[in-house]
C-alpha atoms as a PDB file:
ATOM      1  CA  MET A   1     -41.133  -1.971 -28.313  1.00  0.00           C
ATOM      2  CA  ALA A   2     -39.118  -2.197 -25.563  1.00  0.00           C
ATOM      3  CA  ASP A   3     -39.594  -4.362 -22.462  1.00  0.00           C
ATOM      4  CA  ASP A   4     -40.172  -1.976 -19.500  1.00  0.00           C
ATOM      5  CA  THR A   5     -39.728  -4.863 -17.175  1.00  0.00           C
ATOM      6  CA  ALA A   6     -36.202  -5.368 -18.163  1.00  0.00           C
ATOM      7  CA  THR A   7     -33.701  -4.621 -15.515  1.00  0.00           C
ATOM      8  CA  ASP A   8     -29.915  -3.889 -15.393  1.00  0.00           C
ATOM      9  CA  THR A   9     -28.730  -6.868 -13.452  1.00  0.00           C
ATOM     10  CA  ALA A  10     -25.015  -5.995 -13.234  1.00  0.00           C
ATOM     11  CA  PRO A  11     -23.946  -6.868  -9.814  1.00  0.00           C
ATOM     12  CA  PRO A  12     -22.728  -3.486  -7.792  1.00  0.00           C
ATOM     13  CA  GLU A  13     -19.017  -2.545  -7.661  1.00  0.00           C
ATOM     14  CA  LEU A  14     -18.241  -3.608  -4.420  1.00  0.00           C
ATOM     15  CA  SER A  15     -15.442  -2.066  -1.808  1.00  0.00           C
ATOM     16  CA  PRO A  16     -12.404  -3.677  -1.084  1.00  0.00           C
ATOM     17  CA  ALA A  17     -13.612  -4.188   2.387  1.00  0.00           C
ATOM     18  CA  VAL A  18     -16.962  -5.648   1.091  1.00  0.00           C
ATOM     19  CA  GLN A  19     -15.034  -7.601  -1.472  1.00  0.00           C
ATOM     20  CA  SER A  20     -12.980  -9.351   1.046  1.00  0.00           C
ATOM     21  CA  LEU A  21     -15.959 -10.219   3.157  1.00  0.00           C
ATOM     22  CA  ALA A  22     -17.469 -11.659   0.038  1.00  0.00           C
ATOM     23  CA  ASP A  23     -14.437 -13.680  -0.869  1.00  0.00           C
ATOM     24  CA  ALA A  24     -14.573 -14.799   2.861  1.00  0.00           C
ATOM     25  CA  GLY A  25     -17.882 -16.339   2.151  1.00  0.00           C
ATOM     26  CA  PHE A  26     -20.073 -13.820   3.627  1.00  0.00           C
ATOM     27  CA  ALA A  27     -23.487 -13.092   2.090  1.00  0.00           C
ATOM     28  CA  ILE A  28     -23.856 -10.123   0.148  1.00  0.00           C
ATOM     29  CA  ALA A  29     -26.988  -8.038  -1.098  1.00  0.00           C
ATOM     30  CA  ASP A  30     -26.992  -5.191  -3.144  1.00  0.00           C
ATOM     31  CA  GLY A  31     -23.374  -4.217  -2.665  1.00  0.00           C
ATOM     32  CA  TRP A  32     -23.302  -4.475   1.298  1.00  0.00           C
ATOM     33  CA  PRO A  33     -23.030  -7.604   3.759  1.00  0.00           C
ATOM     34  CA  VAL A  34     -26.441  -9.333   4.701  1.00  0.00           C
ATOM     35  CA  ASN A  35     -25.195  -9.597   8.336  1.00  0.00           C
ATOM     36  CA  HIS A  36     -26.489  -6.610  10.064  1.00  0.00           C
ATOM     37  CA  ARG A  37     -23.331  -6.067  12.189  1.00  0.00           C
ATOM     38  CA  LEU A  38     -20.936  -6.316   9.165  1.00  0.00           C
ATOM     39  CA  ARG A  39     -23.247  -4.262   7.235  1.00  0.00           C
ATOM     40  CA  ALA A  40     -23.311  -1.486   9.618  1.00  0.00           C
ATOM     41  CA  GLU A  41     -19.464  -1.721   9.825  1.00  0.00           C
ATOM     42  CA  ALA A  42     -18.992  -1.549   5.954  1.00  0.00           C
ATOM     43  CA  LEU A  43     -21.624   1.322   5.960  1.00  0.00           C
ATOM     44  CA  ALA A  44     -19.839   3.445   8.297  1.00  0.00           C
ATOM     45  CA  GLN A  45     -16.434   2.896   6.958  1.00  0.00           C
ATOM     46  CA  ALA A  46     -17.699   3.838   3.417  1.00  0.00           C
ATOM     47  CA  GLY A  47     -19.061   7.228   5.023  1.00  0.00           C
ATOM     48  CA  GLU A  48     -22.538   6.184   4.568  1.00  0.00           C
ATOM     49  CA  GLY A  49     -24.836   7.853   6.547  1.00  0.00           C
ATOM     50  CA  GLU A  50     -27.986   5.789   5.309  1.00  0.00           C
ATOM     51  CA  ASP A  51     -28.630   2.032   4.478  1.00  0.00           C
ATOM     52  CA  PRO A  52     -29.984   2.013   0.839  1.00  0.00           C
ATOM     53  CA  ALA A  53     -31.952  -0.737   1.568  1.00  0.00           C
ATOM     54  CA  GLY A  54     -33.477   0.429   4.866  1.00  0.00           C
ATOM     55  CA  TYR A  55     -32.220  -2.508   6.885  1.00  0.00           C
ATOM     56  CA  LEU A  56     -30.487  -0.224   9.495  1.00  0.00           C
ATOM     57  CA  THR A  57     -31.053   3.084  10.748  1.00  0.00           C
ATOM     58  CA  ALA A  58     -29.142   6.097  10.595  1.00  0.00           C
ATOM     59  CA  GLU A  59     -28.472   5.936  14.237  1.00  0.00           C
ATOM     60  CA  GLN A  60     -27.285   2.471  14.254  1.00  0.00           C
ATOM     61  CA  ILE A  61     -24.859   3.386  11.609  1.00  0.00           C
ATOM     62  CA  ALA A  62     -23.614   6.489  13.432  1.00  0.00           C
ATOM     63  CA  GLU A  63     -23.127   4.491  16.570  1.00  0.00           C
ATOM     64  CA  THR A  64     -21.339   1.894  14.594  1.00  0.00           C
ATOM     65  CA  ALA A  65     -18.816   4.421  13.212  1.00  0.00           C
ATOM     66  CA  GLU A  66     -18.321   5.868  16.823  1.00  0.00           C
ATOM     67  CA  ARG A  67     -17.489   2.383  18.113  1.00  0.00           C
ATOM     68  CA  LEU A  68     -15.158   1.967  14.975  1.00  0.00           C
ATOM     69  CA  GLU A  69     -13.481   4.966  15.799  1.00  0.00           C
ATOM     70  CA  ALA A  70     -13.034   4.264  19.381  1.00  0.00           C
ATOM     71  CA  GLU A  71     -11.472   0.956  18.708  1.00  0.00           C
ATOM     72  CA  ALA A  72      -9.254   2.541  16.449  1.00  0.00           C
ATOM     73  CA  ALA A  73      -8.255   4.897  19.066  1.00  0.00           C
ATOM     74  CA  GLU A  74      -7.704   2.414  21.688  1.00  0.00           C
ATOM     75  CA  ALA A  75      -5.507   0.179  19.233  1.00  0.00           C
ATOM     76  CA  ARG A  76      -3.300   3.184  18.539  1.00  0.00           C
ATOM     77  CA  GLU A  77      -2.946   4.203  22.260  1.00  0.00           C
ATOM     78  CA  ARG A  78      -1.966   0.230  22.820  1.00  0.00           C
ATOM     79  CA  GLU A  79       0.548   0.587  20.173  1.00  0.00           C
ATOM     80  CA  GLU A  80       2.358   3.515  21.256  1.00  0.00           C
ATOM     81  CA  GLN A  81       2.401   2.574  24.837  1.00  0.00           C
ATOM     82  CA  ALA A  82       3.858  -1.115  24.028  1.00  0.00           C
ATOM     83  CA  ALA A  83       6.259   0.505  21.438  1.00  0.00           C
ATOM     84  CA  PRO A  84       8.682   1.974  23.778  1.00  0.00           C
ATOM     85  CA  SER A  85       8.975  -1.294  26.208  1.00  0.00           C
ATOM     86  CA  GLU A  86       9.232  -3.448  23.136  1.00  0.00           C
ATOM     87  CA  LYS A  87      11.652  -1.480  21.198  1.00  0.00           C
ATOM     88  CA  TRP A  88      14.196  -0.650  24.151  1.00  0.00           C
ATOM     89  CA  ARG A  89      14.777  -3.380  27.020  1.00  0.00           C
ATOM     90  CA  ARG A  90      16.629  -1.367  29.803  1.00  0.00           C
ATOM     91  CA  ASP A  91      19.426  -3.761  29.721  1.00  0.00           C
ATOM     92  CA  ASP A  92      19.865  -2.999  25.936  1.00  0.00           C
ATOM     93  CA  LEU A  93      19.900   0.650  26.555  1.00  0.00           C
ATOM     94  CA  VAL A  94      22.245   0.185  29.085  1.00  0.00           C
ATOM     95  CA  ASN A  95      24.439  -1.636  27.205  1.00  0.00           C
ATOM     96  CA  ALA A  96      24.132   0.727  24.299  1.00  0.00           C
ATOM     97  CA  ALA A  97      24.998   3.807  26.432  1.00  0.00           C
ATOM     98  CA  ALA A  98      28.169   2.049  27.683  1.00  0.00           C
ATOM     99  CA  ALA A  99      29.380   1.146  24.305  1.00  0.00           C
ATOM    100  CA  ARG A 100      29.250   5.029  23.652  1.00  0.00           C
ATOM    101  CA  GLY A 101      30.758   6.080  26.873  1.00  0.00           C
ATOM    102  CA  LEU A 102      27.675   7.447  28.269  1.00  0.00           C
ATOM    103  CA  ASP A 103      26.055   7.526  31.845  1.00  0.00           C
ATOM    104  CA  THR A 104      24.103   4.295  32.448  1.00  0.00           C
ATOM    105  CA  THR A 105      22.530   5.323  35.417  1.00  0.00           C
ATOM    106  CA  GLY A 106      19.191   7.060  33.781  1.00  0.00           C
ATOM    107  CA  THR A 107      15.879   6.234  33.319  1.00  0.00           C
ATOM    108  CA  LYS A 108      14.968   4.523  30.043  1.00  0.00           C
ATOM    109  CA  ALA A 109      13.823   7.780  28.856  1.00  0.00           C
ATOM    110  CA  GLU A 110      16.865   9.585  29.874  1.00  0.00           C
ATOM    111  CA  LEU A 111      19.277   6.636  28.255  1.00  0.00           C
ATOM    112  CA  VAL A 112      17.086   6.912  24.847  1.00  0.00           C
ATOM    113  CA  LYS A 113      17.423  10.884  24.603  1.00  0.00           C
ATOM    114  CA  SER A 114      21.298  10.445  25.503  1.00  0.00           C
ATOM    115  CA  ILE A 115      21.948   7.552  23.069  1.00  0.00           C
ATOM    116  CA  THR A 116      19.738   9.670  20.329  1.00  0.00           C
ATOM    117  CA  ALA A 117      21.850  12.848  20.778  1.00  0.00           C
ATOM    118  CA  ALA A 118      25.088  10.803  20.888  1.00  0.00           C
ATOM    119  CA  ASP A 119      24.078   9.050  17.531  1.00  0.00           C
ATOM    120  CA  ALA A 120      23.105  12.318  16.079  1.00  0.00           C
ATOM    121  CA  ALA A 121      26.294  13.910  17.244  1.00  0.00           C
ATOM    122  CA  ASN A 122      28.318  11.448  15.859  1.00  0.00           C
ATOM    123  CA  SER A 123      26.546  11.453  12.314  1.00  0.00           C
ATOM    124  CA  GLU A 124      27.103  15.189  12.196  1.00  0.00           C
ATOM    125  CA  GLY A 125      30.840  15.336  12.843  1.00  0.00           C
END
């Protein structure tokens, strides 16, 4: 007769995010971080609406998902705003426009537009 008290003790498969936390030394239980903040973030990133162990409420997980989305949107916005100034300094644009025989008195946006148009025309013909 089989022993009814025997259980499957194989550890749950961890998501890559949770595995990286485990590799960094964070405690993991039942496939999720033990730390409540990390647990909420991992559950939210995995699209889980409930904590299987019941440590966190669905509301806590939803709030965490909203926070993570807002942080990601803010990071994207910062990158978009920073990219033009880092990519194109005005002096570089003036030099590039002058090298192409273009007007160098415009704004950064106008210089980028005229340089891009000139480069496109040169590549076509």
